[in-house]
Amino acid sequence: MEDFEAFQGAMRSDDSYMSTFSQSLSLVLDEFYKNLRSVGVSAVSGAGMDAFFKAIEASAEEYMETYKYFLLALNSISIVMINYFLSTTNMLLSRFICLTNGS
Protein backbone atom coordinates (compact mmCIF):
# COMPACT_ATOMS: atom_id res chain seq x y z
CA MET A 1 0.00 0.00 0.00
CA GLU A 2 1.94 2.96 -1.28
CA ASP A 3 -0.75 5.54 -2.09
CA PHE A 4 -2.77 6.16 1.04
CA GLU A 5 -4.57 9.20 -0.36
CA ALA A 6 -5.80 7.31 -3.45
CA PHE A 7 -7.16 4.52 -1.25
CA GLN A 8 -8.94 7.00 1.03
CA GLY A 9 -10.44 8.73 -2.01
CA ALA A 10 -11.78 5.45 -3.37
CA MET A 11 -13.34 4.58 -0.01
CA ARG A 12 -15.07 7.96 0.50
CA SER A 13 -17.67 7.18 -2.16
CA ASP A 14 -19.04 4.32 -0.04
CA ASP A 15 -20.80 4.91 3.31
CA SER A 16 -21.04 1.28 4.40
CA TYR A 17 -19.63 -0.11 7.63
CA MET A 18 -16.93 -2.00 5.72
CA SER A 19 -15.85 1.18 3.95
CA THR A 20 -15.54 3.06 7.24
CA PHE A 21 -13.69 0.12 8.77
CA SER A 22 -11.36 -0.08 5.76
CA GLN A 23 -10.58 3.63 6.03
CA SER A 24 -9.67 3.24 9.70
CA LEU A 25 -7.60 0.15 9.02
CA SER A 26 -5.82 1.90 6.17
CA LEU A 27 -4.50 4.48 8.65
CA VAL A 28 -2.90 1.69 10.67
CA LEU A 29 -1.53 -0.01 7.58
CA ASP A 30 -0.13 3.27 6.27
CA GLU A 31 1.81 3.78 9.50
CA PHE A 32 3.00 0.15 9.42
CA TYR A 33 4.24 0.36 5.85
CA LYS A 34 6.07 3.66 6.45
CA ASN A 35 8.60 1.87 8.64
CA LEU A 36 8.86 -1.36 6.68
CA ARG A 37 11.97 -2.05 4.64
CA SER A 38 11.37 -3.60 1.26
CA VAL A 39 13.63 -4.80 -1.53
CA GLY A 40 12.97 -6.30 -4.91
CA VAL A 41 14.21 -9.85 -5.54
CA SER A 42 13.87 -11.83 -8.74
CA ALA A 43 12.67 -15.40 -8.23
CA VAL A 44 14.08 -16.31 -11.64
CA SER A 45 17.56 -14.80 -11.62
CA GLY A 46 18.07 -14.09 -7.91
CA ALA A 47 18.87 -10.47 -8.67
CA GLY A 48 18.47 -8.34 -5.57
CA MET A 49 19.55 -10.98 -3.07
CA ASP A 50 22.47 -8.83 -1.91
CA ALA A 51 20.07 -5.99 -1.12
CA PHE A 52 17.78 -8.49 0.60
CA PHE A 53 20.51 -9.72 2.94
CA LYS A 54 21.65 -6.15 3.63
CA ALA A 55 18.07 -5.22 4.59
CA ILE A 56 17.90 -8.23 6.92
CA GLU A 57 21.21 -7.28 8.50
CA ALA A 58 20.10 -3.66 8.96
CA SER A 59 16.82 -4.83 10.50
CA ALA A 60 18.65 -7.17 12.88
CA GLU A 61 20.92 -4.31 13.97
CA GLU A 62 17.92 -2.03 14.49
CA TYR A 63 16.24 -4.71 16.59
CA MET A 64 19.33 -5.23 18.75
CA GLU A 65 19.87 -1.48 19.23
CA THR A 66 16.28 -0.40 19.78
CA TYR A 67 13.55 -2.95 20.21
CA LYS A 68 15.36 -5.62 22.22
CA TYR A 69 16.01 -3.33 25.18
CA PHE A 70 12.52 -1.89 25.01
CA LEU A 71 10.98 -5.36 25.07
CA LEU A 72 13.24 -6.48 27.92
CA ALA A 73 12.26 -3.42 29.96
CA LEU A 74 8.60 -4.01 29.18
CA ASN A 75 8.98 -7.64 30.25
CA SER A 76 10.58 -6.58 33.55
CA ILE A 77 7.75 -4.15 34.23
CA SER A 78 5.20 -6.85 33.41
CA ILE A 79 6.83 -9.27 35.84
CA VAL A 80 6.78 -6.67 38.62
CA MET A 81 3.11 -5.91 37.93
CA ILE A 82 2.18 -9.60 37.91
CA ASN A 83 4.00 -10.20 41.20
CA TYR A 84 2.24 -7.21 42.76
CA PHE A 85 -1.13 -8.45 41.51
CA LEU A 86 -0.51 -11.96 42.84
CA SER A 87 0.66 -10.75 46.24
CA THR A 88 -2.30 -8.37 46.55
CA THR A 89 -4.72 -11.08 45.48
CA ASN A 90 -3.15 -13.52 47.92
CA MET A 91 -3.43 -11.00 50.76
CA LEU A 92 -7.09 -10.25 49.96
CA LEU A 93 -7.89 -13.94 49.68
CA SER A 94 -6.24 -14.61 53.06
CA ARG A 95 -8.29 -11.84 54.66
CA PHE A 96 -11.47 -13.20 53.09
CA ILE A 97 -10.72 -16.70 54.39
CA CYS A 98 -10.05 -15.34 57.88
CA LEU A 99 -13.29 -13.38 57.85
CA THR A 100 -15.41 -16.27 56.59
CA ASN A 101 -13.86 -18.86 58.93
CA GLY A 102 -14.15 -16.55 61.94
CA SER A 103 -17.90 -16.03 61.71
C-alpha atoms as a PDB file:
ATOM      1  CA  MET A   1       0.000   0.000   0.000  1.00  0.00           C
ATOM      2  CA  GLU A   2       1.943   2.959  -1.276  1.00  0.00           C
ATOM      3  CA  ASP A   3      -0.748   5.536  -2.093  1.00  0.00           C
ATOM      4  CA  PHE A   4      -2.766   6.157   1.045  1.00  0.00           C
ATOM      5  CA  GLU A   5      -4.570   9.201  -0.364  1.00  0.00           C
ATOM      6  CA  ALA A   6      -5.801   7.309  -3.447  1.00  0.00           C
ATOM      7  CA  PHE A   7      -7.160   4.521  -1.252  1.00  0.00           C
ATOM      8  CA  GLN A   8      -8.937   6.999   1.027  1.00  0.00           C
ATOM      9  CA  GLY A   9     -10.444   8.731  -2.006  1.00  0.00           C
ATOM     10  CA  ALA A  10     -11.784   5.454  -3.371  1.00  0.00           C
ATOM     11  CA  MET A  11     -13.336   4.580  -0.008  1.00  0.00           C
ATOM     12  CA  ARG A  12     -15.071   7.961   0.499  1.00  0.00           C
ATOM     13  CA  SER A  13     -17.668   7.183  -2.158  1.00  0.00           C
ATOM     14  CA  ASP A  14     -19.045   4.316  -0.035  1.00  0.00           C
ATOM     15  CA  ASP A  15     -20.799   4.910   3.306  1.00  0.00           C
ATOM     16  CA  SER A  16     -21.038   1.279   4.403  1.00  0.00           C
ATOM     17  CA  TYR A  17     -19.628  -0.112   7.635  1.00  0.00           C
ATOM     18  CA  MET A  18     -16.925  -1.997   5.721  1.00  0.00           C
ATOM     19  CA  SER A  19     -15.849   1.176   3.948  1.00  0.00           C
ATOM     20  CA  THR A  20     -15.538   3.056   7.242  1.00  0.00           C
ATOM     21  CA  PHE A  21     -13.693   0.116   8.772  1.00  0.00           C
ATOM     22  CA  SER A  22     -11.363  -0.078   5.759  1.00  0.00           C
ATOM     23  CA  GLN A  23     -10.576   3.625   6.028  1.00  0.00           C
ATOM     24  CA  SER A  24      -9.667   3.244   9.697  1.00  0.00           C
ATOM     25  CA  LEU A  25      -7.605   0.154   9.019  1.00  0.00           C
ATOM     26  CA  SER A  26      -5.816   1.896   6.168  1.00  0.00           C
ATOM     27  CA  LEU A  27      -4.496   4.479   8.652  1.00  0.00           C
ATOM     28  CA  VAL A  28      -2.901   1.687  10.668  1.00  0.00           C
ATOM     29  CA  LEU A  29      -1.526  -0.007   7.577  1.00  0.00           C
ATOM     30  CA  ASP A  30      -0.132   3.271   6.267  1.00  0.00           C
ATOM     31  CA  GLU A  31       1.809   3.775   9.498  1.00  0.00           C
ATOM     32  CA  PHE A  32       3.001   0.149   9.423  1.00  0.00           C
ATOM     33  CA  TYR A  33       4.238   0.357   5.851  1.00  0.00           C
ATOM     34  CA  LYS A  34       6.070   3.656   6.453  1.00  0.00           C
ATOM     35  CA  ASN A  35       8.604   1.868   8.638  1.00  0.00           C
ATOM     36  CA  LEU A  36       8.855  -1.359   6.680  1.00  0.00           C
ATOM     37  CA  ARG A  37      11.969  -2.046   4.637  1.00  0.00           C
ATOM     38  CA  SER A  38      11.370  -3.595   1.255  1.00  0.00           C
ATOM     39  CA  VAL A  39      13.625  -4.800  -1.528  1.00  0.00           C
ATOM     40  CA  GLY A  40      12.968  -6.298  -4.906  1.00  0.00           C
ATOM     41  CA  VAL A  41      14.211  -9.849  -5.545  1.00  0.00           C
ATOM     42  CA  SER A  42      13.869 -11.830  -8.743  1.00  0.00           C
ATOM     43  CA  ALA A  43      12.667 -15.399  -8.232  1.00  0.00           C
ATOM     44  CA  VAL A  44      14.083 -16.312 -11.636  1.00  0.00           C
ATOM     45  CA  SER A  45      17.565 -14.797 -11.621  1.00  0.00           C
ATOM     46  CA  GLY A  46      18.066 -14.091  -7.913  1.00  0.00           C
ATOM     47  CA  ALA A  47      18.868 -10.471  -8.672  1.00  0.00           C
ATOM     48  CA  GLY A  48      18.474  -8.335  -5.571  1.00  0.00           C
ATOM     49  CA  MET A  49      19.552 -10.976  -3.071  1.00  0.00           C
ATOM     50  CA  ASP A  50      22.472  -8.833  -1.908  1.00  0.00           C
ATOM     51  CA  ALA A  51      20.070  -5.986  -1.116  1.00  0.00           C
ATOM     52  CA  PHE A  52      17.775  -8.494   0.599  1.00  0.00           C
ATOM     53  CA  PHE A  53      20.513  -9.725   2.942  1.00  0.00           C
ATOM     54  CA  LYS A  54      21.647  -6.148   3.627  1.00  0.00           C
ATOM     55  CA  ALA A  55      18.074  -5.220   4.590  1.00  0.00           C
ATOM     56  CA  ILE A  56      17.898  -8.230   6.922  1.00  0.00           C
ATOM     57  CA  GLU A  57      21.212  -7.276   8.501  1.00  0.00           C
ATOM     58  CA  ALA A  58      20.096  -3.658   8.958  1.00  0.00           C
ATOM     59  CA  SER A  59      16.815  -4.828  10.504  1.00  0.00           C
ATOM     60  CA  ALA A  60      18.645  -7.165  12.883  1.00  0.00           C
ATOM     61  CA  GLU A  61      20.915  -4.312  13.975  1.00  0.00           C
ATOM     62  CA  GLU A  62      17.918  -2.030  14.492  1.00  0.00           C
ATOM     63  CA  TYR A  63      16.243  -4.712  16.593  1.00  0.00           C
ATOM     64  CA  MET A  64      19.329  -5.228  18.752  1.00  0.00           C
ATOM     65  CA  GLU A  65      19.872  -1.476  19.231  1.00  0.00           C
ATOM     66  CA  THR A  66      16.277  -0.396  19.779  1.00  0.00           C
ATOM     67  CA  TYR A  67      13.554  -2.952  20.207  1.00  0.00           C
ATOM     68  CA  LYS A  68      15.361  -5.618  22.222  1.00  0.00           C
ATOM     69  CA  TYR A  69      16.007  -3.328  25.178  1.00  0.00           C
ATOM     70  CA  PHE A  70      12.516  -1.886  25.005  1.00  0.00           C
ATOM     71  CA  LEU A  71      10.978  -5.363  25.071  1.00  0.00           C
ATOM     72  CA  LEU A  72      13.240  -6.484  27.925  1.00  0.00           C
ATOM     73  CA  ALA A  73      12.261  -3.421  29.960  1.00  0.00           C
ATOM     74  CA  LEU A  74       8.596  -4.013  29.180  1.00  0.00           C
ATOM     75  CA  ASN A  75       8.976  -7.638  30.247  1.00  0.00           C
ATOM     76  CA  SER A  76      10.580  -6.582  33.549  1.00  0.00           C
ATOM     77  CA  ILE A  77       7.748  -4.145  34.226  1.00  0.00           C
ATOM     78  CA  SER A  78       5.198  -6.853  33.414  1.00  0.00           C
ATOM     79  CA  ILE A  79       6.834  -9.273  35.843  1.00  0.00           C
ATOM     80  CA  VAL A  80       6.778  -6.671  38.619  1.00  0.00           C
ATOM     81  CA  MET A  81       3.111  -5.914  37.934  1.00  0.00           C
ATOM     82  CA  ILE A  82       2.178  -9.605  37.907  1.00  0.00           C
ATOM     83  CA  ASN A  83       4.002 -10.202  41.197  1.00  0.00           C
ATOM     84  CA  TYR A  84       2.241  -7.211  42.758  1.00  0.00           C
ATOM     85  CA  PHE A  85      -1.130  -8.446  41.507  1.00  0.00           C
ATOM     86  CA  LEU A  86      -0.507 -11.956  42.837  1.00  0.00           C
ATOM     87  CA  SER A  87       0.659 -10.750  46.244  1.00  0.00           C
ATOM     88  CA  THR A  88      -2.295  -8.370  46.551  1.00  0.00           C
ATOM     89  CA  THR A  89      -4.721 -11.078  45.483  1.00  0.00           C
ATOM     90  CA  ASN A  90      -3.149 -13.523  47.923  1.00  0.00           C
ATOM     91  CA  MET A  91      -3.431 -10.996  50.761  1.00  0.00           C
ATOM     92  CA  LEU A  92      -7.090 -10.251  49.965  1.00  0.00           C
ATOM     93  CA  LEU A  93      -7.888 -13.938  49.683  1.00  0.00           C
ATOM     94  CA  SER A  94      -6.237 -14.610  53.058  1.00  0.00           C
ATOM     95  CA  ARG A  95      -8.289 -11.843  54.658  1.00  0.00           C
ATOM     96  CA  PHE A  96     -11.466 -13.198  53.091  1.00  0.00           C
ATOM     97  CA  ILE A  97     -10.720 -16.703  54.388  1.00  0.00           C
ATOM     98  CA  CYS A  98     -10.046 -15.339  57.885  1.00  0.00           C
ATOM     99  CA  LEU A  99     -13.293 -13.382  57.851  1.00  0.00           C
ATOM    100  CA  THR A 100     -15.413 -16.273  56.591  1.00  0.00           C
ATOM    101  CA  ASN A 101     -13.865 -18.856  58.933  1.00  0.00           C
ATOM    102  CA  GLY A 102     -14.145 -16.550  61.941  1.00  0.00           C
ATOM    103  CA  SER A 103     -17.904 -16.031  61.710  1.00  0.00           C
END
